[in-house]
Protein backbone atom coordinates (compact mmCIF):
# COMPACT_ATOMS: atom_id res chain seq x y z
CA MET A 1 91.47 130.54 262.23
CA PRO A 2 92.01 130.29 266.25
CA ASP A 3 90.52 127.31 268.40
CA PRO A 4 89.72 128.56 271.88
CA GLN A 5 90.58 125.28 272.86
CA PHE A 6 94.44 125.44 272.43
CA LEU A 7 94.06 129.71 272.44
CA THR A 8 96.33 129.76 275.95
CA THR A 9 99.75 131.77 277.33
CA ASP A 10 101.70 129.33 276.26
CA PHE A 11 99.98 129.04 272.61
CA LEU A 12 100.98 133.27 272.13
CA GLN A 13 104.13 132.72 273.81
CA THR A 14 105.10 130.71 270.91
CA LYS A 15 103.82 133.15 268.36
CA ARG A 16 105.87 136.06 269.70
CA GLN A 17 109.27 134.52 268.37
CA ILE A 18 107.94 134.04 264.94
CA ALA A 19 107.48 137.38 262.58
CA ASP A 20 107.51 137.05 258.74
CA PRO A 21 109.52 134.87 257.77
CA LEU A 22 108.81 136.06 253.95
CA ALA A 23 109.23 139.64 254.34
CA ASP A 24 112.16 138.71 256.71
CA GLU A 25 113.73 136.71 253.89
CA THR A 26 113.44 139.52 251.74
CA ILE A 27 115.21 142.08 252.95
CA ALA A 28 118.26 139.29 254.00
CA LEU A 29 118.39 138.64 250.35
CA ILE A 30 118.94 142.20 249.90
CA VAL A 31 121.62 142.47 252.37
CA GLU A 32 123.41 139.59 250.72
CA GLN A 33 123.38 140.65 247.47
CA GLU A 34 123.57 144.19 247.03
CA GLY A 35 125.00 144.92 251.13
CA PRO A 36 123.55 146.52 254.23
CA GLU A 37 123.46 150.22 252.82
CA ALA A 38 120.90 148.62 250.00
CA ALA A 39 118.48 147.42 252.48
CA ARG A 40 118.58 150.64 254.38
CA LYS A 41 118.26 152.60 251.03
CA LEU A 42 115.18 150.83 250.65
CA PHE A 43 114.00 151.19 254.34
CA ASP A 44 114.38 155.10 254.10
CA LEU A 45 112.66 155.11 250.28
CA LEU A 46 109.39 152.94 251.74
CA ILE A 47 109.38 155.45 255.17
CA ARG A 48 109.58 158.45 252.66
CA ARG A 49 106.90 157.76 250.33
CA ILE A 50 103.58 158.04 250.71
CA GLU A 51 102.41 155.78 247.96
CA MET A 52 104.42 152.08 247.31
CA PRO A 53 107.45 152.81 244.71
CA LEU A 54 107.53 149.79 242.63
CA GLU A 55 109.62 150.61 239.87
CA GLU A 56 112.03 151.60 242.42
CA LEU A 57 112.13 148.84 244.15
CA PRO A 58 115.36 146.21 244.01
CA PRO A 59 115.50 143.21 241.75
CA ALA A 60 115.58 141.10 245.28
CA THR A 61 111.96 142.41 246.47
CA HIS A 62 109.91 141.27 243.10
CA ALA A 63 109.59 137.67 244.32
CA PHE A 64 108.13 139.28 247.46
CA VAL A 65 105.75 141.25 245.69
CA ALA A 66 104.72 139.25 242.97
CA ALA A 67 103.47 136.63 246.28
CA THR A 68 101.39 139.15 247.82
CA HIS A 69 99.59 141.02 245.39
CA GLN A 70 96.53 139.75 246.20
CA LEU A 71 93.91 138.66 248.63
CA PRO A 72 93.87 135.26 249.66
CA ALA A 73 91.44 132.90 247.38
CA TRP A 74 88.82 132.37 250.15
CA ALA A 75 88.21 136.56 250.65
CA ASP A 76 84.31 136.75 249.80
CA TRP A 77 84.10 139.74 247.45
CA LYS A 78 80.66 140.35 248.40
CA LYS A 79 81.73 141.03 252.03
CA VAL A 80 84.59 143.27 250.92
CA GLU A 81 81.92 145.47 248.98
CA LEU A 82 80.02 145.34 252.22
CA ALA A 83 82.74 146.59 254.27
CA HIS A 84 83.68 149.19 251.98
CA ASP A 85 79.73 150.22 252.07
CA LEU A 86 80.35 150.70 255.95
CA PHE A 87 83.43 152.31 255.93
CA LEU A 88 82.14 154.93 253.34
CA ASP A 89 78.95 155.32 256.09
CA HIS A 90 81.21 155.21 259.37
CA GLY A 91 84.84 156.58 258.00
CA PRO A 92 85.45 159.32 260.03
CA LYS A 93 83.95 157.73 263.31
CA PHE A 94 86.53 154.81 262.36
CA LEU A 95 89.28 157.14 261.95
CA ILE A 96 88.46 158.22 265.42
CA PHE A 97 88.33 155.10 266.99
CA LEU A 98 91.16 154.10 265.58
CA TYR A 99 92.80 157.08 267.81
CA TYR A 100 91.29 156.94 270.55
CA LYS A 101 90.77 153.37 271.35
CA SER A 102 92.76 150.80 268.68
CA LEU A 103 95.78 152.48 269.28
CA PRO A 104 95.76 153.40 272.96
CA ILE A 105 94.98 149.53 273.14
CA LEU A 106 97.88 148.32 271.27
CA TYR A 107 99.74 150.89 273.49
CA SER A 108 98.54 148.87 276.78
CA MET A 109 100.98 146.23 275.54
CA ALA A 110 103.81 146.76 277.04
CA ASN A 111 106.54 144.77 274.70
CA GLY A 112 104.50 145.93 271.53
CA ALA A 113 104.80 149.11 272.67
CA ARG A 114 108.48 149.12 273.25
CA VAL A 115 109.00 148.29 269.86
CA LEU A 116 106.89 151.11 268.31
CA VAL A 117 109.02 153.69 270.16
CA ASN A 118 112.36 151.85 269.20
CA THR A 119 110.82 152.10 265.67
CA SER A 120 110.22 155.96 266.20
CA ARG A 121 113.72 156.36 266.99
CA LEU A 122 115.57 154.53 264.59
CA THR A 123 113.63 156.42 261.69
CA ASN A 124 114.09 159.91 263.84
CA LYS A 125 116.67 162.35 264.76
CA GLU A 126 114.23 164.51 267.01
CA GLN A 127 113.97 163.55 270.51
CA ASP A 128 110.61 165.43 271.66
CA LEU A 129 106.90 163.86 271.35
CA SER A 130 106.67 165.20 267.60
CA ILE A 131 108.90 162.06 266.60
CA PHE A 132 105.73 159.93 266.90
CA ALA A 133 103.25 162.01 265.25
CA ARG A 134 104.15 160.72 261.75
CA ARG A 135 103.53 157.14 262.69
CA ILE A 136 100.01 158.40 263.91
CA ALA A 137 99.27 159.74 261.23
CA GLU A 138 100.07 156.75 258.82
CA THR A 139 98.18 154.36 260.46
CA GLY A 140 95.29 156.89 259.75
CA GLN A 141 96.63 156.80 256.37
CA PHE A 142 96.93 152.99 255.81
CA LEU A 143 93.05 152.86 257.03
CA LEU A 144 91.95 154.77 254.26
CA ASP A 145 94.22 153.44 251.68
CA VAL A 146 93.32 150.24 252.28
CA MET A 147 89.14 150.73 252.62
CA ARG A 148 89.24 152.69 249.35
CA LYS A 149 86.60 151.23 246.61
CA ASP A 150 89.06 148.38 244.78
CA ALA A 151 91.82 149.01 246.83
CA LEU A 152 92.40 145.43 247.27
CA LYS A 153 91.90 144.46 244.13
CA PRO A 154 95.34 142.38 242.43
CA GLY A 155 97.84 145.24 242.86
CA GLY A 156 95.49 147.87 243.91
CA ILE A 157 96.65 150.56 246.20
CA GLY A 158 95.58 149.11 249.42
CA ILE A 159 97.47 145.93 248.52
CA GLN A 160 100.83 148.25 247.91
CA SER A 161 100.09 149.99 250.89
CA ILE A 162 100.01 146.17 252.94
CA GLN A 163 103.11 145.27 250.71
CA LYS A 164 104.98 148.39 251.66
CA VAL A 165 104.25 148.13 255.79
CA ARG A 166 105.86 144.64 255.64
CA LEU A 167 108.49 145.69 254.00
CA ILE A 168 109.62 148.07 256.75
CA HIS A 169 108.49 146.01 259.48
CA ALA A 170 111.26 143.49 258.05
CA ALA A 171 113.67 146.14 257.52
CA ILE A 172 112.90 147.38 261.27
CA ARG A 173 113.30 144.08 262.48
CA HIS A 174 116.98 144.11 260.56
CA PHE A 175 118.09 147.68 261.43
CA ILE A 176 116.89 147.65 265.65
CA PRO A 177 120.44 147.29 267.43
CA VAL A 178 120.81 144.06 268.88
CA GLU A 179 121.51 145.46 272.34
CA HIS A 180 118.59 147.76 272.01
CA TRP A 181 116.19 144.26 271.40
CA ASN A 182 116.06 141.11 274.00
CA ALA A 183 114.04 138.66 271.73
CA GLU A 184 114.18 136.29 274.26
CA GLU A 185 111.98 137.96 276.90
CA TRP A 186 110.32 140.62 274.54
CA GLY A 187 109.20 138.48 271.68
CA GLN A 188 110.64 138.72 267.93
CA PRO A 189 110.03 142.96 266.90
CA ILE A 190 106.25 142.93 265.18
CA ASN A 191 105.88 139.24 266.09
CA GLN A 192 102.73 137.33 265.19
CA GLU A 193 100.83 138.20 268.23
CA ASP A 194 101.39 141.60 268.04
CA LEU A 195 100.14 141.67 264.57
CA ALA A 196 97.03 139.55 265.49
CA ALA A 197 96.30 142.20 267.96
CA THR A 198 96.97 144.80 265.43
CA LEU A 199 94.74 143.48 263.29
CA MET A 200 91.57 142.57 265.80
CA THR A 201 91.60 146.75 267.23
CA PHE A 202 91.68 148.00 263.34
CA SER A 203 88.75 145.21 262.90
CA VAL A 204 86.51 144.39 266.18
CA SER A 205 87.57 147.10 268.50
CA THR A 206 86.53 149.95 265.58
CA THR A 207 83.03 148.42 265.22
CA ASP A 208 82.81 147.87 268.60
CA ALA A 209 82.69 151.38 269.48
CA LEU A 210 79.89 152.16 267.44
CA ALA A 211 77.76 150.27 269.90
CA GLN A 212 79.42 152.10 272.43
CA PHE A 213 77.77 155.17 270.94
CA ASN A 214 74.50 153.48 270.59
CA ILE A 215 75.20 153.36 266.61
CA ASP A 216 72.75 149.86 265.65
CA GLU A 217 74.71 148.21 262.49
CA ALA A 218 73.47 145.11 260.53
CA PRO A 219 75.17 142.44 261.81
CA GLU A 220 76.15 141.00 258.27
CA ARG A 221 77.81 144.30 257.51
CA LEU A 222 80.15 144.24 260.58
CA GLU A 223 80.99 140.24 260.15
CA ALA A 224 81.96 141.68 256.64
CA TYR A 225 84.36 144.20 258.01
CA LEU A 226 85.89 141.77 260.14
CA HIS A 227 86.39 139.24 257.07
CA THR A 228 87.70 141.46 255.14
CA TRP A 229 90.38 142.73 257.50
CA THR A 230 91.19 138.73 257.97
CA ALA A 231 92.02 138.71 254.75
CA ILE A 232 94.35 141.84 254.64
CA GLY A 233 95.65 139.82 257.64
CA GLU A 234 96.56 136.89 255.38
CA VAL A 235 98.61 139.47 252.93
CA LEU A 236 100.25 141.02 256.03
CA GLY A 237 101.06 137.75 256.91
CA ILE A 238 99.37 137.07 259.53
CA GLN A 239 99.47 132.90 259.83
CA ASN A 240 96.11 131.42 259.51
CA GLU A 241 95.75 130.08 263.21
CA LEU A 242 95.77 133.53 264.12
CA LEU A 243 93.11 134.73 261.69
CA PRO A 244 89.09 134.96 263.53
CA ALA A 245 86.44 133.19 261.47
CA ASP A 246 83.67 135.93 263.13
CA ARG A 247 83.78 138.87 265.38
CA ALA A 248 83.39 136.80 268.55
CA SER A 249 86.09 134.56 267.83
CA GLY A 250 88.19 137.81 266.97
CA ARG A 251 87.24 139.74 270.19
CA GLN A 252 87.73 136.24 272.15
CA LEU A 253 91.53 136.22 270.80
CA LEU A 254 92.36 140.26 271.54
CA GLU A 255 91.09 139.73 274.93
CA THR A 256 93.12 136.83 275.45
CA ILE A 257 96.33 138.58 273.75
CA LEU A 258 95.43 141.58 275.92
CA ALA A 259 95.25 139.19 279.30
CA HIS A 260 98.72 137.96 278.27
CA GLN A 261 100.24 141.40 277.34
CA SER A 262 98.54 144.10 279.17
CA ALA A 263 100.68 146.23 281.35
CA PRO A 264 101.54 149.55 282.34
CA SER A 265 104.99 150.69 280.57
CA GLU A 266 106.88 153.91 280.31
CA SER A 267 106.80 152.91 275.93
CA GLY A 268 103.01 153.10 276.63
CA ALA A 269 102.84 155.84 278.72
CA LEU A 270 105.47 157.85 276.46
CA LEU A 271 102.99 157.41 272.92
CA THR A 272 100.33 157.86 274.35
CA GLN A 273 101.36 161.27 275.44
CA SER A 274 102.16 161.51 271.73
CA LEU A 275 98.89 160.90 270.45
CA LEU A 276 96.93 162.95 272.59
CA GLN A 277 99.80 166.03 271.70
CA PHE A 278 98.99 164.91 267.84
CA SER A 279 95.41 164.89 268.59
CA LYS A 280 95.42 168.17 270.33
CA SER A 281 97.54 169.60 267.60
CA THR A 282 94.96 168.60 265.20
CA MET A 283 91.58 170.19 266.81
CA PRO A 284 89.28 172.37 265.35
CA SER A 285 89.10 174.28 268.29
CA GLN A 286 90.93 175.02 271.63
CA ARG A 287 87.62 174.74 273.74
CA LEU A 288 87.45 171.07 272.81
CA GLU A 289 91.20 170.32 274.42
CA ARG A 290 89.48 168.34 276.91
CA LEU A 291 88.42 166.33 274.28
CA PRO A 292 90.85 163.59 273.29
CA GLU A 293 91.64 162.22 277.24
CA LEU A 294 87.71 161.77 277.49
CA LEU A 295 87.17 160.04 274.28
CA LEU A 296 89.78 157.50 274.89
CA GLN A 297 89.06 157.07 278.57
CA PHE A 298 85.21 156.41 277.19
CA LEU A 299 86.79 154.23 274.31
CA ILE A 300 89.21 151.74 276.13
CA GLY A 301 87.91 152.17 279.74
CA ARG A 302 89.14 154.11 282.84
CA GLU A 303 91.62 151.14 284.20
CA ARG A 304 93.52 150.63 280.73
CA ALA A 305 93.47 154.51 280.91
CA GLN A 306 95.34 154.01 283.69
CA LEU A 307 97.89 151.69 282.59
CA LEU A 308 98.55 154.83 279.99
CA GLY A 309 98.90 157.09 282.65
CA VAL A 310 95.56 158.79 281.59
CA ASN A 311 93.10 159.23 284.74
CA TYR A 312 90.87 162.65 283.74
CA ALA A 313 87.82 163.13 285.62
CA PRO A 314 85.14 163.12 284.48
CA GLY A 315 84.98 159.31 283.43
CA CYS A 316 81.82 159.61 281.66
CA LEU A 317 81.89 161.24 278.09
CA GLY A 318 78.36 161.59 278.65
CA ILE A 319 78.66 164.15 281.45
CA VAL A 320 80.46 166.73 279.15
CA ILE A 321 78.93 166.08 275.45
CA PRO A 322 76.59 168.93 276.44
CA GLU A 323 79.61 171.14 276.97
CA ALA A 324 81.01 169.98 274.47
CA ILE A 325 78.20 170.55 272.07
CA SER A 326 77.35 174.12 273.15
CA ALA A 327 80.95 174.76 273.31
CA TYR A 328 81.46 174.03 269.57
CA PHE A 329 78.48 173.21 267.61
CA ARG A 330 76.51 175.85 269.69
CA TRP A 331 73.72 173.45 269.56
CA GLY A 332 73.06 174.29 273.42
CA GLU A 333 70.87 172.32 275.93
CA ARG A 334 67.79 172.83 273.69
CA LEU A 335 68.71 169.99 270.70
CA GLU A 336 70.89 167.89 273.72
CA ASP A 337 66.95 167.42 274.96
CA LYS A 338 65.37 166.63 272.04
CA LEU A 339 68.23 163.94 270.89
CA GLU A 340 67.12 160.25 271.64
CA GLU A 341 70.92 159.23 270.96
CA PRO A 342 72.91 162.09 271.97
CA LEU A 343 76.26 159.92 272.16
CA GLY A 344 75.49 158.51 268.29
CA ILE A 345 74.72 162.41 267.09
CA PHE A 346 77.57 163.62 268.90
CA ILE A 347 80.39 161.28 267.54
CA ASN A 348 78.96 161.92 264.28
CA GLU A 349 79.59 165.48 263.74
CA ILE A 350 82.53 165.33 265.91
CA SER A 351 84.61 162.89 264.00
CA ARG A 352 83.54 165.12 260.95
CA GLN A 353 85.41 167.94 262.77
CA LEU A 354 88.13 166.12 264.05
CA SER A 355 88.94 164.75 260.40
CA LYS A 356 89.04 167.86 258.96
CA GLY A 357 91.75 168.68 261.85
CA MET A 358 93.97 165.70 260.51
CA VAL A 359 93.90 166.85 256.78
CA ARG A 360 96.01 169.75 258.16
CA PHE A 361 98.67 167.49 259.70
CA PHE A 362 101.62 168.39 257.69
CA ASP A 363 104.46 165.42 257.59
CA ARG A 364 107.54 167.61 257.00
CA TYR A 365 109.66 164.05 256.63
CA LYS A 366 107.49 162.88 253.43
CA GLY A 367 106.89 166.68 252.82
CA ARG A 368 103.20 165.95 252.14
CA ASN A 369 99.66 166.81 254.25
CA PHE A 370 97.64 163.96 255.55
CA GLU A 371 95.31 162.97 252.65
CA ILE A 372 91.51 162.28 252.93
CA PRO A 373 90.74 160.04 249.04
CA GLU A 374 88.25 162.24 247.47
CA GLU A 375 85.73 159.97 246.69
CA PHE A 376 86.02 159.45 250.98
CA GLY A 377 85.80 163.41 251.29
CA LYS A 378 82.73 163.93 248.81
CA VAL A 379 80.41 161.72 251.24
CA TRP A 380 82.16 163.01 254.68
CA PHE A 381 82.19 166.24 254.25
């Protein structure tokens, strides 16, 4: 668990030179035993499949799969169940928070944004912003996979998704051309600091967003959600000293990392443009096309939004709520006057509509649509 006393810039800088030894050794073993083309073939197989193709994995991966097939022994299954229940209640909102808060926060980290751009260009031949859309959609799919009921039981679909991500990351580190990456200055691609930040945006940032919309939740459920994600973090290969014990220390960890890494960058702005383009392409109505910029700015704050090239007036989402509700839901001012918590009502309804829009996203590379598991769809829609 991170000790605030030692949570310094120097400490975090050392973590930038550590990636994922177990997964990296697995890819290196494939290259040693079968050659670089076998590793490239595995990489292509993993990024083309939504599910983990266990039966098609080379023998060199078997030890890795066996070593990472379950949550750590310290994981509390009662808390995992609470986390699942929380996601079942707020899933559409959490997807929206992922796209308009978690990802933009990560994009504001200049060095981490750089590797995301390099990764997308490594796996796509297209040169326009559409090359990033698949990774954006995959991030949402990953969230849905790990939050399914029983997904985190040994060998479950969530565990397989985590294993798949680790192998993809290791392959990326192996195949990024040396001339395209300055490890001494930027750290290893997808290093421990970047992974810890990602974990915190998926957990603490997401649950904190509920309060931004005046949605109260039981503290024990919020802490259970963080606990579950720290358990996921260990399976993802994140070192224990970067796994916080509670939401307060998780928030402090993220804030310290952001102070260390936040900076304007071409990569961050490019990824943000792609995110907004993806968002607008899945919008249920063109009359809401201002919404992505407004949500992003509201959720991460104007200062951080400006790092990403987003400076959209008006700065307060509350100003546009009556307009958005009237335009899409046709509720009008009479209903707005009756709402005690308009922000909470707004995000609850709009997130359902935006989630439906995401289902229409078609990934030509995989030949599959974005998929919301039936257990969630029955409750949400």
